Amino acid sequence: MKIQSIILLALLLFACKRNQHPKTEQHFGPAYFKGYGNYFWFKPGSFWIYENKRTGELDTCTLMDIKRDTSTFFFETVSFKRRFTAETIDWTIKTSHNPKGFITYKSSRPCNCPGEDTTIGIMRNSHPDKVFSIPWNSHPSATYFPSYKIDTATYYQVYRFDMNNDPTLPLWDKSKIDFLTPVPGSYYWAEGIGLISIKYGNRHAVTNEADSAFWNLKEYKIIKY
């Protein structure tokens, strides 16, 4: 009787496996930067000078190298196979203020989820939070400004992307040493210019004073392709 039960179980398992439908491979994309490329696609040698609005320090950021390509990402789960083709970008900024001497930005890996997802994200220093998302309204906390004023300068077609956790900021800004981490941050990008401001949303660990040590663009030189 025991042998018969084992044989019956094996037959049932074989029948179930045989009746399983093979997973159909889905292929989504290609997704391209299109007009959003105007926010970061500049030639090496372009530079931006930022001013810390609390300390008055200056930080010169120079684009050292930049690579733009198209990649296909593959995902497989118990329910689906999926390929997603998207444009990717990777660039390095040399900075005079960051103790490491450089900042890197690169495309994030797309979402591993069923269905079509044409979102392209760009992150900083390999941190998963996105500092730029394409399309912009795919970002969980993003705002568009037709124009945005910083000091006496007015910028146009500006996008703001908020991050819940930006552990890279204290590495770039010495004025953040006394502040709690993780640090919320907001990145502001202007078309044809790039990053124009980084603002923080943290408070002092002891005094609870709101931090105002954000960086604003003071001067820049863009070399276009």
Protein backbone atom coordinates (compact mmCIF):
# COMPACT_ATOMS: atom_id res chain seq x y z
CA MET A 1 0.00 0.00 0.00
CA LYS A 2 2.84 2.37 0.81
CA ILE A 3 4.50 1.73 -2.57
CA GLN A 4 1.21 2.37 -4.36
CA SER A 5 0.81 5.70 -2.55
CA ILE A 6 4.30 6.78 -3.57
CA ILE A 7 3.65 5.83 -7.20
CA LEU A 8 0.31 7.71 -7.16
CA LEU A 9 1.96 10.80 -5.70
CA ALA A 10 4.71 10.70 -8.33
CA LEU A 11 2.11 10.43 -11.10
CA LEU A 12 0.19 13.40 -9.73
CA LEU A 13 3.33 15.52 -9.52
CA PHE A 14 4.30 14.58 -13.08
CA ALA A 15 0.80 15.45 -14.33
CA CYS A 16 0.86 18.83 -12.59
CA LYS A 17 4.28 19.62 -13.99
CA ARG A 18 3.22 18.56 -17.48
CA ASN A 19 0.12 20.76 -17.34
CA GLN A 20 2.07 23.86 -16.28
CA HIS A 21 2.22 26.43 -19.03
CA PRO A 22 5.70 27.69 -19.91
CA LYS A 23 6.36 31.28 -18.90
CA THR A 24 6.08 33.69 -21.81
CA GLU A 25 8.99 36.07 -22.02
CA GLN A 26 7.92 39.70 -22.02
CA HIS A 27 10.06 42.34 -23.68
CA PHE A 28 9.39 46.00 -22.84
CA GLY A 29 10.98 49.16 -24.13
CA PRO A 30 13.13 50.52 -25.50
CA ALA A 31 12.84 53.56 -23.24
CA TYR A 32 14.95 56.59 -24.11
CA PHE A 33 15.91 59.83 -22.35
CA LYS A 34 14.51 61.94 -25.19
CA GLY A 35 14.26 65.59 -24.11
CA TYR A 36 15.26 64.72 -20.54
CA GLY A 37 18.81 64.22 -21.79
CA ASN A 38 19.09 68.02 -21.93
CA TYR A 39 19.38 68.00 -18.13
CA PHE A 40 22.64 66.04 -17.92
CA TRP A 41 24.06 65.27 -21.38
CA PHE A 42 27.04 67.65 -21.56
CA LYS A 43 30.64 67.29 -22.69
CA PRO A 44 33.49 66.68 -20.24
CA GLY A 45 35.02 69.97 -19.17
CA SER A 46 31.66 71.48 -18.29
CA PHE A 47 31.72 72.83 -14.75
CA TRP A 48 29.41 74.16 -12.05
CA ILE A 49 30.34 76.25 -8.98
CA TYR A 50 28.04 75.91 -5.99
CA GLU A 51 27.85 78.10 -2.88
CA ASN A 52 26.94 76.84 0.58
CA LYS A 53 24.32 79.34 1.72
CA ARG A 54 25.14 78.93 5.40
CA THR A 55 28.93 78.83 5.36
CA GLY A 56 29.72 80.72 2.14
CA GLU A 57 32.02 77.90 0.98
CA LEU A 58 32.38 77.26 -2.74
CA ASP A 59 32.53 73.89 -4.47
CA THR A 60 33.73 73.61 -8.07
CA CYS A 61 32.30 70.51 -9.79
CA THR A 62 33.81 69.52 -13.15
CA LEU A 63 32.43 66.85 -15.48
CA MET A 64 35.32 64.42 -16.02
CA ASP A 65 33.72 61.68 -18.13
CA ILE A 66 30.27 60.64 -19.30
CA LYS A 67 28.97 57.51 -21.05
CA ARG A 68 25.61 57.01 -22.72
CA ASP A 69 24.46 53.60 -23.94
CA THR A 70 21.47 51.26 -24.30
CA SER A 71 21.22 48.16 -22.11
CA THR A 72 18.80 45.25 -21.77
CA PHE A 73 17.96 44.01 -18.26
CA PHE A 74 16.59 40.51 -17.62
CA PHE A 75 14.34 39.43 -14.75
CA GLU A 76 12.76 36.07 -13.97
CA THR A 77 10.33 35.17 -11.19
CA VAL A 78 8.07 32.18 -10.53
CA SER A 79 5.38 33.82 -12.66
CA PHE A 80 7.14 35.64 -15.51
CA LYS A 81 10.25 36.31 -17.56
CA ARG A 82 10.92 39.88 -18.49
CA ARG A 83 13.39 41.89 -20.54
CA PHE A 84 13.50 45.66 -20.40
CA THR A 85 15.61 47.73 -22.79
CA ALA A 86 16.45 51.26 -21.75
CA GLU A 87 18.97 53.99 -22.36
CA THR A 88 21.61 54.25 -19.63
CA ILE A 89 24.05 56.93 -18.54
CA ASP A 90 27.04 57.06 -16.22
CA TRP A 91 29.09 60.14 -15.37
CA THR A 92 31.72 61.32 -12.90
CA ILE A 93 32.02 64.76 -11.34
CA LYS A 94 35.31 65.96 -9.83
CA THR A 95 34.55 68.13 -6.81
CA SER A 96 36.79 70.42 -4.81
CA HIS A 97 34.72 69.99 -1.63
CA ASN A 98 33.93 66.28 -1.33
CA PRO A 99 36.61 64.48 0.75
CA LYS A 100 36.50 61.62 -1.77
CA GLY A 101 37.22 64.04 -4.58
CA PHE A 102 34.47 62.86 -6.91
CA ILE A 103 30.74 62.17 -7.20
CA THR A 104 29.25 59.55 -9.52
CA TYR A 105 25.82 59.37 -11.09
CA LYS A 106 24.46 56.40 -13.01
CA SER A 107 21.25 54.78 -14.21
CA SER A 108 19.44 52.65 -11.66
CA ARG A 109 18.32 49.12 -12.42
CA PRO A 110 14.67 49.13 -13.57
CA CYS A 111 11.80 47.79 -11.50
CA ASN A 112 11.51 43.99 -11.19
CA CYS A 113 7.72 43.91 -11.36
CA PRO A 114 5.07 42.42 -13.66
CA GLY A 115 3.64 44.54 -16.42
CA GLU A 116 5.20 47.29 -18.46
CA ASP A 117 7.39 49.83 -16.66
CA THR A 118 9.09 52.45 -18.80
CA THR A 119 10.62 54.38 -15.91
CA ILE A 120 14.32 55.26 -16.10
CA GLY A 121 15.97 56.41 -12.89
CA ILE A 122 19.30 58.09 -12.19
CA MET A 123 20.90 57.72 -8.78
CA ARG A 124 23.92 59.18 -7.03
CA ASN A 125 26.90 57.27 -5.63
CA SER A 126 25.12 53.94 -6.17
CA HIS A 127 22.42 54.87 -3.66
CA PRO A 128 19.02 53.39 -4.65
CA ASP A 129 17.05 56.63 -4.16
CA LYS A 130 16.65 58.41 -7.51
CA VAL A 131 17.84 61.99 -7.96
CA PHE A 132 16.23 62.12 -11.43
CA SER A 133 13.40 60.04 -12.92
CA ILE A 134 12.14 59.71 -16.47
CA PRO A 135 9.28 60.51 -16.87
CA TRP A 136 9.45 62.99 -13.98
CA ASN A 137 5.97 62.23 -12.62
CA SER A 138 6.94 58.57 -12.12
CA HIS A 139 9.00 59.69 -9.13
CA PRO A 140 7.12 59.29 -5.80
CA SER A 141 7.89 62.89 -4.84
CA ALA A 142 8.63 65.16 -7.78
CA THR A 143 7.64 68.73 -8.68
CA TYR A 144 7.83 70.67 -11.93
CA PHE A 145 8.46 74.44 -12.08
CA PRO A 146 8.09 76.36 -15.38
CA SER A 147 10.52 78.84 -13.83
CA TYR A 148 12.50 78.83 -10.59
CA LYS A 149 14.48 81.69 -9.06
CA ILE A 150 17.72 81.30 -7.07
CA ASP A 151 19.11 84.58 -5.74
CA THR A 152 19.09 86.87 -8.80
CA ALA A 153 19.08 84.09 -11.43
CA THR A 154 15.95 82.61 -13.00
CA TYR A 155 16.00 79.07 -14.40
CA TYR A 156 13.41 77.46 -16.63
CA GLN A 157 11.90 73.99 -17.01
CA VAL A 158 13.03 72.94 -13.52
CA TYR A 159 12.37 69.56 -11.87
CA ARG A 160 12.73 68.83 -8.16
CA PHE A 161 13.20 65.28 -6.88
CA ASP A 162 12.94 64.59 -3.14
CA MET A 163 14.88 61.79 -1.46
CA ASN A 164 13.94 60.22 1.87
CA ASN A 165 17.49 59.12 2.59
CA ASP A 166 20.66 60.62 1.16
CA PRO A 167 23.67 59.35 3.11
CA THR A 168 26.04 60.82 0.52
CA LEU A 169 25.35 64.43 1.54
CA PRO A 170 27.51 64.50 4.71
CA LEU A 171 30.45 63.32 2.60
CA TRP A 172 30.05 66.35 0.37
CA ASP A 173 29.16 68.95 2.96
CA LYS A 174 31.33 69.37 6.07
CA SER A 175 28.64 71.55 7.62
CA LYS A 176 26.49 68.41 7.95
CA ILE A 177 28.78 66.68 10.46
CA ASP A 178 26.70 67.79 13.46
CA PHE A 179 23.42 66.79 11.89
CA LEU A 180 21.57 63.51 12.12
CA THR A 181 21.71 60.97 9.32
CA PRO A 182 20.03 59.71 7.21
CA VAL A 183 19.48 63.08 5.57
CA PRO A 184 16.44 63.93 3.42
CA GLY A 185 17.39 65.98 0.39
CA SER A 186 15.93 67.68 -2.66
CA TYR A 187 17.68 67.90 -6.04
CA TYR A 188 16.76 70.70 -8.49
CA TRP A 189 17.61 70.34 -12.19
CA ALA A 190 17.24 72.97 -14.94
CA GLU A 191 17.05 72.19 -18.64
CA GLY A 192 20.28 72.89 -20.49
CA ILE A 193 22.16 73.57 -17.25
CA GLY A 194 21.96 70.53 -14.97
CA LEU A 195 21.90 70.49 -11.19
CA ILE A 196 21.17 73.98 -9.83
CA SER A 197 20.51 73.33 -6.14
CA ILE A 198 20.59 70.72 -3.37
CA LYS A 199 18.51 71.44 -0.29
CA TYR A 200 18.30 69.51 2.98
CA GLY A 201 15.38 68.80 5.26
CA ASN A 202 17.17 67.72 8.43
CA ARG A 203 17.43 69.26 11.91
CA HIS A 204 20.29 69.61 14.35
CA ALA A 205 20.82 66.63 16.65
CA VAL A 206 20.89 68.79 19.81
CA THR A 207 19.23 72.15 19.12
CA ASN A 208 16.61 70.84 16.66
CA GLU A 209 17.41 73.88 14.52
CA ALA A 210 16.36 73.52 10.87
CA ASP A 211 19.35 73.04 8.59
CA SER A 212 19.79 75.74 5.94
CA ALA A 213 23.18 74.64 4.62
CA PHE A 214 21.96 74.01 1.09
CA TRP A 215 24.06 74.49 -2.04
CA ASN A 216 22.99 76.83 -4.85
CA LEU A 217 24.50 77.21 -8.30
CA LYS A 218 26.61 80.38 -8.47
CA GLU A 219 28.44 80.06 -11.79
CA TYR A 220 28.67 77.50 -14.59
CA LYS A 221 30.02 76.73 -18.04
CA ILE A 222 28.23 74.18 -20.21
CA ILE A 223 29.87 72.50 -23.21
CA LYS A 224 27.07 71.01 -25.32
CA TYR A 225 27.23 68.06 -27.69
